[in-house]
Amino acid sequence: MPEAEKRIGRQFPTQSVVLPYTQTKGGEAILLYDQSSRKTMEWQQSMLYDIMATDDDGLWVHIKFGYSIPRRNGKSEIAVARAIWGLLLLSTYYSYKVDKYVFQCYNRVRRK
């Protein structure tokens, strides 16, 4: 019996409101995350590009960014990719507890 084709649902939202931008730091976060055996999916890459958009002065285009995605679809991995980028490239410090968790996620991602 032939193996069934893996089915995935709709990968992009039916509705989306994103402010216009010309630059993004999303590619850097994707490259860092994809150095592991885990890879970002196309919809996650699109979200990271939008979330990490910057204007001509290098300031964030989206101060707040929200999304609604059904459970168990990889939303947390977007946050992990962004947090790893912040810690490693910006030296962003949140708190000991948060930073420890992000480094644990980073190490988990790198090992797989």
PDB file of N, CA and C in Angstrom:
ATOM      1  N   MET A   1       0.849  -1.173   0.000  1.00  0.00           N
ATOM      2  CA  MET A   1       0.000   0.000   0.000  1.00  0.00           C
ATOM      3  C   MET A   1       0.896   1.238   0.000  1.00  0.00           C
ATOM      4  N   PRO A   2       0.687   2.172  -0.930  1.00  0.00           N
ATOM      5  CA  PRO A   2       1.540   3.365  -0.981  1.00  0.00           C
ATOM      6  C   PRO A   2       1.332   4.248   0.247  1.00  0.00           C
ATOM      7  N   GLU A   3       2.422   4.897   0.633  1.00  0.00           N
ATOM      8  CA  GLU A   3       2.359   5.785   1.789  1.00  0.00           C
ATOM      9  C   GLU A   3       1.517   7.011   1.447  1.00  0.00           C
ATOM     10  N   ALA A   4       0.660   7.391   2.374  1.00  0.00           N
ATOM     11  CA  ALA A   4      -0.226   8.535   2.148  1.00  0.00           C
ATOM     12  C   ALA A   4       0.581   9.829   2.130  1.00  0.00           C
ATOM     13  N   GLU A   5       0.164  10.726   1.283  1.00  0.00           N
ATOM     14  CA  GLU A   5       0.814  12.033   1.202  1.00  0.00           C
ATOM     15  C   GLU A   5       0.540  12.810   2.484  1.00  0.00           C
ATOM     16  N   LYS A   6       1.574  13.420   3.032  1.00  0.00           N
ATOM     17  CA  LYS A   6       1.402  14.211   4.246  1.00  0.00           C
ATOM     18  C   LYS A   6       0.580  15.449   3.913  1.00  0.00           C
ATOM     19  N   ARG A   7      -0.489  15.631   4.658  1.00  0.00           N
ATOM     20  CA  ARG A   7      -1.378  16.758   4.401  1.00  0.00           C
ATOM     21  C   ARG A   7      -1.123  17.851   5.432  1.00  0.00           C
ATOM     22  N   ILE A   8      -1.061  19.045   4.958  1.00  0.00           N
ATOM     23  CA  ILE A   8      -0.971  20.189   5.854  1.00  0.00           C
ATOM     24  C   ILE A   8      -2.069  21.160   5.471  1.00  0.00           C
ATOM     25  N   GLY A   9      -2.544  21.876   6.441  1.00  0.00           N
ATOM     26  CA  GLY A   9      -3.633  22.813   6.187  1.00  0.00           C
ATOM     27  C   GLY A   9      -3.150  24.093   5.529  1.00  0.00           C
ATOM     28  N   ARG A  10      -4.042  25.045   5.479  1.00  0.00           N
ATOM     29  CA  ARG A  10      -3.745  26.343   4.883  1.00  0.00           C
ATOM     30  C   ARG A  10      -2.549  26.967   5.599  1.00  0.00           C
ATOM     31  N   GLN A  11      -1.571  27.427   4.865  1.00  0.00           N
ATOM     32  CA  GLN A  11      -0.337  27.923   5.450  1.00  0.00           C
ATOM     33  C   GLN A  11      -0.300  29.437   5.637  1.00  0.00           C
ATOM     34  N   PHE A  12      -1.214  30.142   5.036  1.00  0.00           N
ATOM     35  CA  PHE A  12      -1.227  31.596   5.170  1.00  0.00           C
ATOM     36  C   PHE A  12      -2.626  32.060   5.543  1.00  0.00           C
ATOM     37  N   PRO A  13      -2.732  33.138   6.325  1.00  0.00           N
ATOM     38  CA  PRO A  13      -4.049  33.587   6.790  1.00  0.00           C
ATOM     39  C   PRO A  13      -4.938  34.078   5.653  1.00  0.00           C
ATOM     40  N   THR A  14      -6.234  33.948   5.882  1.00  0.00           N
ATOM     41  CA  THR A  14      -7.185  34.469   4.898  1.00  0.00           C
ATOM     42  C   THR A  14      -7.269  35.982   4.993  1.00  0.00           C
ATOM     43  N   GLN A  15      -6.983  36.527   6.178  1.00  0.00           N
ATOM     44  CA  GLN A  15      -6.969  37.974   6.380  1.00  0.00           C
ATOM     45  C   GLN A  15      -5.685  38.356   7.103  1.00  0.00           C
ATOM     46  N   SER A  16      -5.109  39.464   6.696  1.00  0.00           N
ATOM     47  CA  SER A  16      -3.868  39.911   7.316  1.00  0.00           C
ATOM     48  C   SER A  16      -3.752  41.423   7.178  1.00  0.00           C
ATOM     49  N   VAL A  17      -3.330  42.071   8.254  1.00  0.00           N
ATOM     50  CA  VAL A  17      -3.086  43.514   8.227  1.00  0.00           C
ATOM     51  C   VAL A  17      -1.651  43.731   8.689  1.00  0.00           C
ATOM     52  N   VAL A  18      -0.794  44.083   7.757  1.00  0.00           N
ATOM     53  CA  VAL A  18       0.620  44.314   8.049  1.00  0.00           C
ATOM     54  C   VAL A  18       0.981  45.682   7.495  1.00  0.00           C
ATOM     55  N   LEU A  19       1.629  46.503   8.321  1.00  0.00           N
ATOM     56  CA  LEU A  19       2.056  47.818   7.853  1.00  0.00           C
ATOM     57  C   LEU A  19       3.132  47.650   6.784  1.00  0.00           C
ATOM     58  N   PRO A  20       3.165  48.542   5.808  1.00  0.00           N
ATOM     59  CA  PRO A  20       4.174  48.413   4.748  1.00  0.00           C
ATOM     60  C   PRO A  20       5.593  48.633   5.300  1.00  0.00           C
ATOM     61  N   TYR A  21       6.537  47.883   4.753  1.00  0.00           N
ATOM     62  CA  TYR A  21       7.937  48.020   5.163  1.00  0.00           C
ATOM     63  C   TYR A  21       8.841  47.623   4.003  1.00  0.00           C
ATOM     64  N   THR A  22      10.095  48.068   4.088  1.00  0.00           N
ATOM     65  CA  THR A  22      11.059  47.734   3.035  1.00  0.00           C
ATOM     66  C   THR A  22      12.234  46.915   3.564  1.00  0.00           C
ATOM     67  N   GLN A  23      12.411  46.893   4.886  1.00  0.00           N
ATOM     68  CA  GLN A  23      13.533  46.168   5.485  1.00  0.00           C
ATOM     69  C   GLN A  23      13.017  45.278   6.603  1.00  0.00           C
ATOM     70  N   THR A  24      13.743  44.203   6.869  1.00  0.00           N
ATOM     71  CA  THR A  24      13.373  43.319   7.969  1.00  0.00           C
ATOM     72  C   THR A  24      14.614  42.621   8.518  1.00  0.00           C
ATOM     73  N   LYS A  25      14.564  42.307   9.785  1.00  0.00           N
ATOM     74  CA  LYS A  25      15.622  41.520  10.434  1.00  0.00           C
ATOM     75  C   LYS A  25      15.224  40.048  10.504  1.00  0.00           C
ATOM     76  N   GLY A  26      14.069  39.716   9.941  1.00  0.00           N
ATOM     77  CA  GLY A  26      13.554  38.353  10.005  1.00  0.00           C
ATOM     78  C   GLY A  26      14.485  37.319   9.409  1.00  0.00           C
ATOM     79  N   GLY A  27      15.165  37.664   8.324  1.00  0.00           N
ATOM     80  CA  GLY A  27      16.082  36.718   7.689  1.00  0.00           C
ATOM     81  C   GLY A  27      17.200  36.285   8.614  1.00  0.00           C
ATOM     82  N   GLU A  28      17.677  37.211   9.452  1.00  0.00           N
ATOM     83  CA  GLU A  28      18.742  36.878  10.402  1.00  0.00           C
ATOM     84  C   GLU A  28      18.247  35.864  11.429  1.00  0.00           C
ATOM     85  N   ALA A  29      17.031  36.082  11.933  1.00  0.00           N
ATOM     86  CA  ALA A  29      16.457  35.159  12.917  1.00  0.00           C
ATOM     87  C   ALA A  29      16.228  33.786  12.297  1.00  0.00           C
ATOM     88  N   ILE A  30      15.776  33.768  11.057  1.00  0.00           N
ATOM     89  CA  ILE A  30      15.531  32.503  10.362  1.00  0.00           C
ATOM     90  C   ILE A  30      16.841  31.745  10.164  1.00  0.00           C
ATOM     91  N   LEU A  31      17.898  32.443   9.765  1.00  0.00           N
ATOM     92  CA  LEU A  31      19.200  31.785   9.574  1.00  0.00           C
ATOM     93  C   LEU A  31      19.718  31.179  10.871  1.00  0.00           C
ATOM     94  N   LEU A  32      19.590  31.913  11.979  1.00  0.00           N
ATOM     95  CA  LEU A  32      20.035  31.385  13.269  1.00  0.00           C
ATOM     96  C   LEU A  32      19.248  30.136  13.642  1.00  0.00           C
ATOM     97  N   TYR A  33      17.934  30.218  13.525  1.00  0.00           N
ATOM     98  CA  TYR A  33      17.081  29.092  13.905  1.00  0.00           C
ATOM     99  C   TYR A  33      17.326  27.888  12.996  1.00  0.00           C
ATOM    100  N   ASP A  34      17.482  28.135  11.718  1.00  0.00           N
ATOM    101  CA  ASP A  34      17.641  27.046  10.752  1.00  0.00           C
ATOM    102  C   ASP A  34      19.020  26.388  10.796  1.00  0.00           C
ATOM    103  N   GLN A  35      19.935  26.886  11.632  1.00  0.00           N
ATOM    104  CA  GLN A  35      21.226  26.223  11.803  1.00  0.00           C
ATOM    105  C   GLN A  35      21.072  24.895  12.527  1.00  0.00           C
ATOM    106  N   SER A  36      19.933  24.720  13.165  1.00  0.00           N
ATOM    107  CA  SER A  36      19.655  23.448  13.822  1.00  0.00           C
ATOM    108  C   SER A  36      19.031  22.504  12.803  1.00  0.00           C
ATOM    109  N   SER A  37      18.699  21.325  13.253  1.00  0.00           N
ATOM    110  CA  SER A  37      18.010  20.400  12.350  1.00  0.00           C
ATOM    111  C   SER A  37      16.541  20.781  12.209  1.00  0.00           C
ATOM    112  N   ARG A  38      16.071  21.676  13.059  1.00  0.00           N
ATOM    113  CA  ARG A  38      14.706  22.179  12.935  1.00  0.00           C
ATOM    114  C   ARG A  38      14.719  23.319  11.939  1.00  0.00           C
ATOM    115  N   LYS A  39      13.722  23.367  11.131  1.00  0.00           N
ATOM    116  CA  LYS A  39      13.641  24.401  10.099  1.00  0.00           C
ATOM    117  C   LYS A  39      12.321  25.145  10.222  1.00  0.00           C
ATOM    118  N   THR A  40      12.363  26.422   9.941  1.00  0.00           N
ATOM    119  CA  THR A  40      11.125  27.197   9.948  1.00  0.00           C
ATOM    120  C   THR A  40      10.303  26.849   8.719  1.00  0.00           C
ATOM    121  N   MET A  41       8.997  26.814   8.927  1.00  0.00           N
ATOM    122  CA  MET A  41       8.091  26.588   7.806  1.00  0.00           C
ATOM    123  C   MET A  41       7.873  27.912   7.080  1.00  0.00           C
ATOM    124  N   GLU A  42       7.353  27.851   5.889  1.00  0.00           N
ATOM    125  CA  GLU A  42       7.180  29.054   5.075  1.00  0.00           C
ATOM    126  C   GLU A  42       6.307  30.097   5.769  1.00  0.00           C
ATOM    127  N   TRP A  43       5.239  29.658   6.435  1.00  0.00           N
ATOM    128  CA  TRP A  43       4.364  30.619   7.102  1.00  0.00           C
ATOM    129  C   TRP A  43       5.069  31.249   8.303  1.00  0.00           C
ATOM    130  N   GLN A  44       5.945  30.497   8.985  1.00  0.00           N
ATOM    131  CA  GLN A  44       6.697  31.053  10.103  1.00  0.00           C
ATOM    132  C   GLN A  44       7.696  32.096   9.602  1.00  0.00           C
ATOM    133  N   GLN A  45       8.322  31.822   8.469  1.00  0.00           N
ATOM    134  CA  GLN A  45       9.249  32.785   7.885  1.00  0.00           C
ATOM    135  C   GLN A  45       8.522  34.080   7.546  1.00  0.00           C
ATOM    136  N   SER A  46       7.358  33.955   6.949  1.00  0.00           N
ATOM    137  CA  SER A  46       6.572  35.136   6.595  1.00  0.00           C
ATOM    138  C   SER A  46       6.234  35.959   7.837  1.00  0.00           C
ATOM    139  N   MET A  47       5.848  35.269   8.917  1.00  0.00           N
ATOM    140  CA  MET A  47       5.525  35.962  10.170  1.00  0.00           C
ATOM    141  C   MET A  47       6.758  36.662  10.734  1.00  0.00           C
ATOM    142  N   LEU A  48       7.901  35.986  10.708  1.00  0.00           N
ATOM    143  CA  LEU A  48       9.120  36.598  11.237  1.00  0.00           C
ATOM    144  C   LEU A  48       9.530  37.819  10.428  1.00  0.00           C
ATOM    145  N   TYR A  49       9.400  37.742   9.109  1.00  0.00           N
ATOM    146  CA  TYR A  49       9.696  38.915   8.284  1.00  0.00           C
ATOM    147  C   TYR A  49       8.805  40.085   8.693  1.00  0.00           C
ATOM    148  N   ASP A  50       7.517  39.826   8.875  1.00  0.00           N
ATOM    149  CA  ASP A  50       6.579  40.891   9.244  1.00  0.00           C
ATOM    150  C   ASP A  50       6.836  41.411  10.656  1.00  0.00           C
ATOM    151  N   ILE A  51       7.010  40.509  11.611  1.00  0.00           N
ATOM    152  CA  ILE A  51       7.221  40.899  13.006  1.00  0.00           C
ATOM    153  C   ILE A  51       8.485  41.737  13.157  1.00  0.00           C
ATOM    154  N   MET A  52       9.527  41.392  12.420  1.00  0.00           N
ATOM    155  CA  MET A  52      10.824  42.035  12.583  1.00  0.00           C
ATOM    156  C   MET A  52      11.103  43.098  11.523  1.00  0.00           C
ATOM    157  N   ALA A  53      10.043  43.659  10.962  1.00  0.00           N
ATOM    158  CA  ALA A  53      10.179  44.708   9.951  1.00  0.00           C
ATOM    159  C   ALA A  53      10.723  45.990  10.585  1.00  0.00           C
ATOM    160  N   THR A  54      11.587  46.694   9.848  1.00  0.00           N
ATOM    161  CA  THR A  54      12.138  47.965  10.314  1.00  0.00           C
ATOM    162  C   THR A  54      11.908  49.045   9.262  1.00  0.00           C
ATOM    163  N   ASP A  55      11.934  50.288   9.734  1.00  0.00           N
ATOM    164  CA  ASP A  55      11.790  51.400   8.789  1.00  0.00           C
ATOM    165  C   ASP A  55      13.173  51.863   8.332  1.00  0.00           C
ATOM    166  N   ASP A  56      13.215  52.957   7.599  1.00  0.00           N
ATOM    167  CA  ASP A  56      14.490  53.451   7.061  1.00  0.00           C
ATOM    168  C   ASP A  56      15.467  53.891   8.144  1.00  0.00           C
ATOM    169  N   ASP A  57      14.948  54.208   9.341  1.00  0.00           N
ATOM    170  CA  ASP A  57      15.804  54.610  10.457  1.00  0.00           C
ATOM    171  C   ASP A  57      16.236  53.422  11.313  1.00  0.00           C
ATOM    172  N   GLY A  58      15.815  52.222  10.937  1.00  0.00           N
ATOM    173  CA  GLY A  58      16.177  51.038  11.708  1.00  0.00           C
ATOM    174  C   GLY A  58      15.274  50.774  12.896  1.00  0.00           C
ATOM    175  N   LEU A  59      14.156  51.496  12.992  1.00  0.00           N
ATOM    176  CA  LEU A  59      13.213  51.309  14.098  1.00  0.00           C
ATOM    177  C   LEU A  59      12.163  50.276  13.706  1.00  0.00           C
ATOM    178  N   TRP A  60      11.620  49.592  14.713  1.00  0.00           N
ATOM    179  CA  TRP A  60      10.595  48.585  14.442  1.00  0.00           C
ATOM    180  C   TRP A  60       9.366  49.225  13.822  1.00  0.00           C
ATOM    181  N   VAL A  61       8.847  48.617  12.779  1.00  0.00           N
ATOM    182  CA  VAL A  61       7.605  49.083  12.157  1.00  0.00           C
ATOM    183  C   VAL A  61       6.422  48.699  13.038  1.00  0.00           C
ATOM    184  N   HIS A  62       6.435  47.481  13.560  1.00  0.00           N
ATOM    185  CA  HIS A  62       5.346  46.983  14.398  1.00  0.00           C
ATOM    186  C   HIS A  62       5.801  46.969  15.856  1.00  0.00           C
ATOM    187  N   ILE A  63       5.301  47.924  16.626  1.00  0.00           N
ATOM    188  CA  ILE A  63       5.622  47.947  18.052  1.00  0.00           C
ATOM    189  C   ILE A  63       4.896  46.797  18.743  1.00  0.00           C
ATOM    190  N   LYS A  64       3.673  46.540  18.311  1.00  0.00           N
ATOM    191  CA  LYS A  64       2.887  45.404  18.800  1.00  0.00           C
ATOM    192  C   LYS A  64       2.502  44.571  17.589  1.00  0.00           C
ATOM    193  N   PHE A  65       2.462  43.272  17.779  1.00  0.00           N
ATOM    194  CA  PHE A  65       2.109  42.384  16.667  1.00  0.00           C
ATOM    195  C   PHE A  65       1.321  41.219  17.235  1.00  0.00           C
ATOM    196  N   GLY A  66       0.158  40.976  16.701  1.00  0.00           N
ATOM    197  CA  GLY A  66      -0.675  39.874  17.182  1.00  0.00           C
ATOM    198  C   GLY A  66      -1.041  38.941  16.052  1.00  0.00           C
ATOM    199  N   TYR A  67      -1.257  37.693  16.394  1.00  0.00           N
ATOM    200  CA  TYR A  67      -1.711  36.727  15.402  1.00  0.00           C
ATOM    201  C   TYR A  67      -2.564  35.679  16.093  1.00  0.00           C
ATOM    202  N   SER A  68      -3.462  35.103  15.354  1.00  0.00           N
ATOM    203  CA  SER A  68      -4.355  34.068  15.867  1.00  0.00           C
ATOM    204  C   SER A  68      -4.193  32.834  14.988  1.00  0.00           C
ATOM    205  N   ILE A  69      -3.618  31.808  15.561  1.00  0.00           N
ATOM    206  CA  ILE A  69      -3.330  30.579  14.830  1.00  0.00           C
ATOM    207  C   ILE A  69      -3.807  29.416  15.698  1.00  0.00           C
ATOM    208  N   PRO A  70      -4.443  28.404  15.095  1.00  0.00           N
ATOM    209  CA  PRO A  70      -4.896  27.259  15.892  1.00  0.00           C
ATOM    210  C   PRO A  70      -3.748  26.625  16.675  1.00  0.00           C
ATOM    211  N   ARG A  71      -4.098  25.952  17.732  1.00  0.00           N
ATOM    212  CA  ARG A  71      -3.081  25.349  18.597  1.00  0.00           C
ATOM    213  C   ARG A  71      -2.275  24.273  17.893  1.00  0.00           C
ATOM    214  N   ARG A  72      -1.089  24.055  18.431  1.00  0.00           N
ATOM    215  CA  ARG A  72      -0.170  23.001  17.979  1.00  0.00           C
ATOM    216  C   ARG A  72       0.257  23.171  16.522  1.00  0.00           C
ATOM    217  N   ASN A  73       0.552  24.401  16.155  1.00  0.00           N
ATOM    218  CA  ASN A  73       0.975  24.647  14.780  1.00  0.00           C
ATOM    219  C   ASN A  73       2.350  25.285  14.674  1.00  0.00           C
ATOM    220  N   GLY A  74       3.054  25.471  15.777  1.00  0.00           N
ATOM    221  CA  GLY A  74       4.401  26.019  15.703  1.00  0.00           C
ATOM    222  C   GLY A  74       4.519  27.488  16.049  1.00  0.00           C
ATOM    223  N   LYS A  75       3.522  28.030  16.756  1.00  0.00           N
ATOM    224  CA  LYS A  75       3.576  29.449  17.136  1.00  0.00           C
ATOM    225  C   LYS A  75       4.757  29.728  18.055  1.00  0.00           C
ATOM    226  N   SER A  76       5.024  28.827  18.974  1.00  0.00           N
ATOM    227  CA  SER A  76       6.109  29.041  19.939  1.00  0.00           C
ATOM    228  C   SER A  76       7.461  29.133  19.255  1.00  0.00           C
ATOM    229  N   GLU A  77       7.623  28.435  18.160  1.00  0.00           N
ATOM    230  CA  GLU A  77       8.909  28.446  17.468  1.00  0.00           C
ATOM    231  C   GLU A  77       9.207  29.821  16.870  1.00  0.00           C
ATOM    232  N   ILE A  78       8.173  30.588  16.549  1.00  0.00           N
ATOM    233  CA  ILE A  78       8.373  31.965  16.088  1.00  0.00           C
ATOM    234  C   ILE A  78       8.991  32.780  17.218  1.00  0.00           C
ATOM    235  N   ALA A  79       8.441  32.627  18.420  1.00  0.00           N
ATOM    236  CA  ALA A  79       8.967  33.349  19.579  1.00  0.00           C
ATOM    237  C   ALA A  79      10.386  32.893  19.907  1.00  0.00           C
ATOM    238  N   VAL A  80      10.654  31.603  19.794  1.00  0.00           N
ATOM    239  CA  VAL A  80      12.000  31.084  20.062  1.00  0.00           C
ATOM    240  C   VAL A  80      12.996  31.674  19.070  1.00  0.00           C
ATOM    241  N   ALA A  81      12.647  31.679  17.789  1.00  0.00           N
ATOM    242  CA  ALA A  81      13.550  32.241  16.768  1.00  0.00           C
ATOM    243  C   ALA A  81      13.825  33.713  17.041  1.00  0.00           C
ATOM    244  N   ARG A  82      12.790  34.463  17.405  1.00  0.00           N
ATOM    245  CA  ARG A  82      12.954  35.900  17.687  1.00  0.00           C
ATOM    246  C   ARG A  82      13.797  36.112  18.945  1.00  0.00           C
ATOM    247  N   ALA A  83      13.544  35.319  19.970  1.00  0.00           N
ATOM    248  CA  ALA A  83      14.282  35.473  21.225  1.00  0.00           C
ATOM    249  C   ALA A  83      15.751  35.094  21.057  1.00  0.00           C
ATOM    250  N   ILE A  84      16.033  34.041  20.319  1.00  0.00           N
ATOM    251  CA  ILE A  84      17.428  33.650  20.062  1.00  0.00           C
ATOM    252  C   ILE A  84      18.147  34.774  19.324  1.00  0.00           C
ATOM    253  N   TRP A  85      17.493  35.340  18.322  1.00  0.00           N
ATOM    254  CA  TRP A  85      18.077  36.465  17.583  1.00  0.00           C
ATOM    255  C   TRP A  85      18.362  37.628  18.536  1.00  0.00           C
ATOM    256  N   GLY A  86      17.407  37.948  19.396  1.00  0.00           N
ATOM    257  CA  GLY A  86      17.588  39.053  20.334  1.00  0.00           C
ATOM    258  C   GLY A  86      18.747  38.836  21.286  1.00  0.00           C
ATOM    259  N   LEU A  87      18.871  37.628  21.807  1.00  0.00           N
ATOM    260  CA  LEU A  87      19.954  37.345  22.747  1.00  0.00           C
ATOM    261  C   LEU A  87      21.319  37.320  22.072  1.00  0.00           C
ATOM    262  N   LEU A  88      21.403  36.675  20.921  1.00  0.00           N
ATOM    263  CA  LEU A  88      22.713  36.485  20.294  1.00  0.00           C
ATOM    264  C   LEU A  88      23.183  37.682  19.478  1.00  0.00           C
ATOM    265  N   LEU A  89      22.287  38.393  18.828  1.00  0.00           N
ATOM    266  CA  LEU A  89      22.714  39.502  17.971  1.00  0.00           C
ATOM    267  C   LEU A  89      22.508  40.875  18.598  1.00  0.00           C
ATOM    268  N   LEU A  90      21.509  41.012  19.445  1.00  0.00           N
ATOM    269  CA  LEU A  90      21.265  42.309  20.090  1.00  0.00           C
ATOM    270  C   LEU A  90      21.743  42.346  21.532  1.00  0.00           C
ATOM    271  N   SER A  91      22.084  41.186  22.077  1.00  0.00           N
ATOM    272  CA  SER A  91      22.408  41.056  23.501  1.00  0.00           C
ATOM    273  C   SER A  91      21.265  41.576  24.358  1.00  0.00           C
ATOM    274  N   THR A  92      20.045  41.287  23.912  1.00  0.00           N
ATOM    275  CA  THR A  92      18.853  41.701  24.646  1.00  0.00           C
ATOM    276  C   THR A  92      18.768  40.913  25.940  1.00  0.00           C
ATOM    277  N   TYR A  93      18.562  41.610  27.041  1.00  0.00           N
ATOM    278  CA  TYR A  93      18.439  40.956  28.333  1.00  0.00           C
ATOM    279  C   TYR A  93      17.027  41.169  28.839  1.00  0.00           C
ATOM    280  N   TYR A  94      16.334  40.089  29.157  1.00  0.00           N
ATOM    281  CA  TYR A  94      14.983  40.193  29.702  1.00  0.00           C
ATOM    282  C   TYR A  94      15.035  40.025  31.208  1.00  0.00           C
ATOM    283  N   SER A  95      15.288  38.849  31.632  1.00  0.00           N
ATOM    284  CA  SER A  95      15.471  38.525  33.039  1.00  0.00           C
ATOM    285  C   SER A  95      16.211  37.198  33.084  1.00  0.00           C
ATOM    286  N   TYR A  96      16.740  36.874  34.223  1.00  0.00           N
ATOM    287  CA  TYR A  96      17.491  35.622  34.332  1.00  0.00           C
ATOM    288  C   TYR A  96      16.624  34.437  33.931  1.00  0.00           C
ATOM    289  N   LYS A  97      15.399  34.406  34.437  1.00  0.00           N
ATOM    290  CA  LYS A  97      14.503  33.279  34.175  1.00  0.00           C
ATOM    291  C   LYS A  97      14.185  33.160  32.683  1.00  0.00           C
ATOM    292  N   VAL A  98      13.850  34.277  32.041  1.00  0.00           N
ATOM    293  CA  VAL A  98      13.511  34.253  30.613  1.00  0.00           C
ATOM    294  C   VAL A  98      14.736  33.896  29.788  1.00  0.00           C
ATOM    295  N   ASP A  99      15.870  34.528  30.076  1.00  0.00           N
ATOM    296  CA  ASP A  99      17.088  34.249  29.313  1.00  0.00           C
ATOM    297  C   ASP A  99      17.514  32.790  29.455  1.00  0.00           C
ATOM    298  N   LYS A 100      17.401  32.254  30.666  1.00  0.00           N
ATOM    299  CA  LYS A 100      17.746  30.847  30.886  1.00  0.00           C
ATOM    300  C   LYS A 100      16.850  29.957  30.026  1.00  0.00           C
ATOM    301  N   TYR A 101      15.560  30.264  29.979  1.00  0.00           N
ATOM    302  CA  TYR A 101      14.624  29.482  29.165  1.00  0.00           C
ATOM    303  C   TYR A 101      14.970  29.585  27.679  1.00  0.00           C
ATOM    304  N   VAL A 102      15.291  30.788  27.218  1.00  0.00           N
ATOM    305  CA  VAL A 102      15.621  30.975  25.802  1.00  0.00           C
ATOM    306  C   VAL A 102      16.882  30.195  25.445  1.00  0.00           C
ATOM    307  N   PHE A 103      17.900  30.234  26.302  1.00  0.00           N
ATOM    308  CA  PHE A 103      19.114  29.466  26.023  1.00  0.00           C
ATOM    309  C   PHE A 103      18.840  27.959  26.048  1.00  0.00           C
ATOM    310  N   GLN A 104      17.941  27.523  26.932  1.00  0.00           N
ATOM    311  CA  GLN A 104      17.560  26.109  26.925  1.00  0.00           C
ATOM    312  C   GLN A 104      16.892  25.754  25.600  1.00  0.00           C
ATOM    313  N   CYS A 105      16.014  26.621  25.120  1.00  0.00           N
ATOM    314  CA  CYS A 105      15.364  26.396  23.821  1.00  0.00           C
ATOM    315  C   CYS A 105      16.403  26.385  22.709  1.00  0.00           C
ATOM    316  N   TYR A 106      17.341  27.319  22.774  1.00  0.00           N
ATOM    317  CA  TYR A 106      18.388  27.391  21.750  1.00  0.00           C
ATOM    318  C   TYR A 106      19.213  26.105  21.735  1.00  0.00           C
ATOM    319  N   ASN A 107      19.596  25.631  22.910  1.00  0.00           N
ATOM    320  CA  ASN A 107      20.372  24.390  22.992  1.00  0.00           C
ATOM    321  C   ASN A 107      19.549  23.193  22.524  1.00  0.00           C
ATOM    322  N   ARG A 108      18.261  23.189  22.856  1.00  0.00           N
ATOM    323  CA  ARG A 108      17.375  22.112  22.402  1.00  0.00           C
ATOM    324  C   ARG A 108      17.285  22.118  20.882  1.00  0.00           C
ATOM    325  N   VAL A 109      17.147  23.294  20.311  1.00  0.00           N
ATOM    326  CA  VAL A 109      17.030  23.431  18.859  1.00  0.00           C
ATOM    327  C   VAL A 109      18.329  23.015  18.180  1.00  0.00           C
ATOM    328  N   ARG A 110      19.459  23.389  18.738  1.00  0.00           N
ATOM    329  CA  ARG A 110      20.759  23.067  18.128  1.00  0.00           C
ATOM    330  C   ARG A 110      21.047  21.569  18.154  1.00  0.00           C
ATOM    331  N   ARG A 111      20.582  20.876  19.197  1.00  0.00           N
ATOM    332  CA  ARG A 111      20.870  19.443  19.335  1.00  0.00           C
ATOM    333  C   ARG A 111      20.073  18.581  18.372  1.00  0.00           C
ATOM    334  N   LYS A 112      18.899  19.018  17.991  1.00  0.00           N
ATOM    335  CA  LYS A 112      18.010  18.166  17.183  1.00  0.00           C
ATOM    336  C   LYS A 112      18.394  18.163  15.742  1.00  0.00           C
TER     337      LYS A 112
END
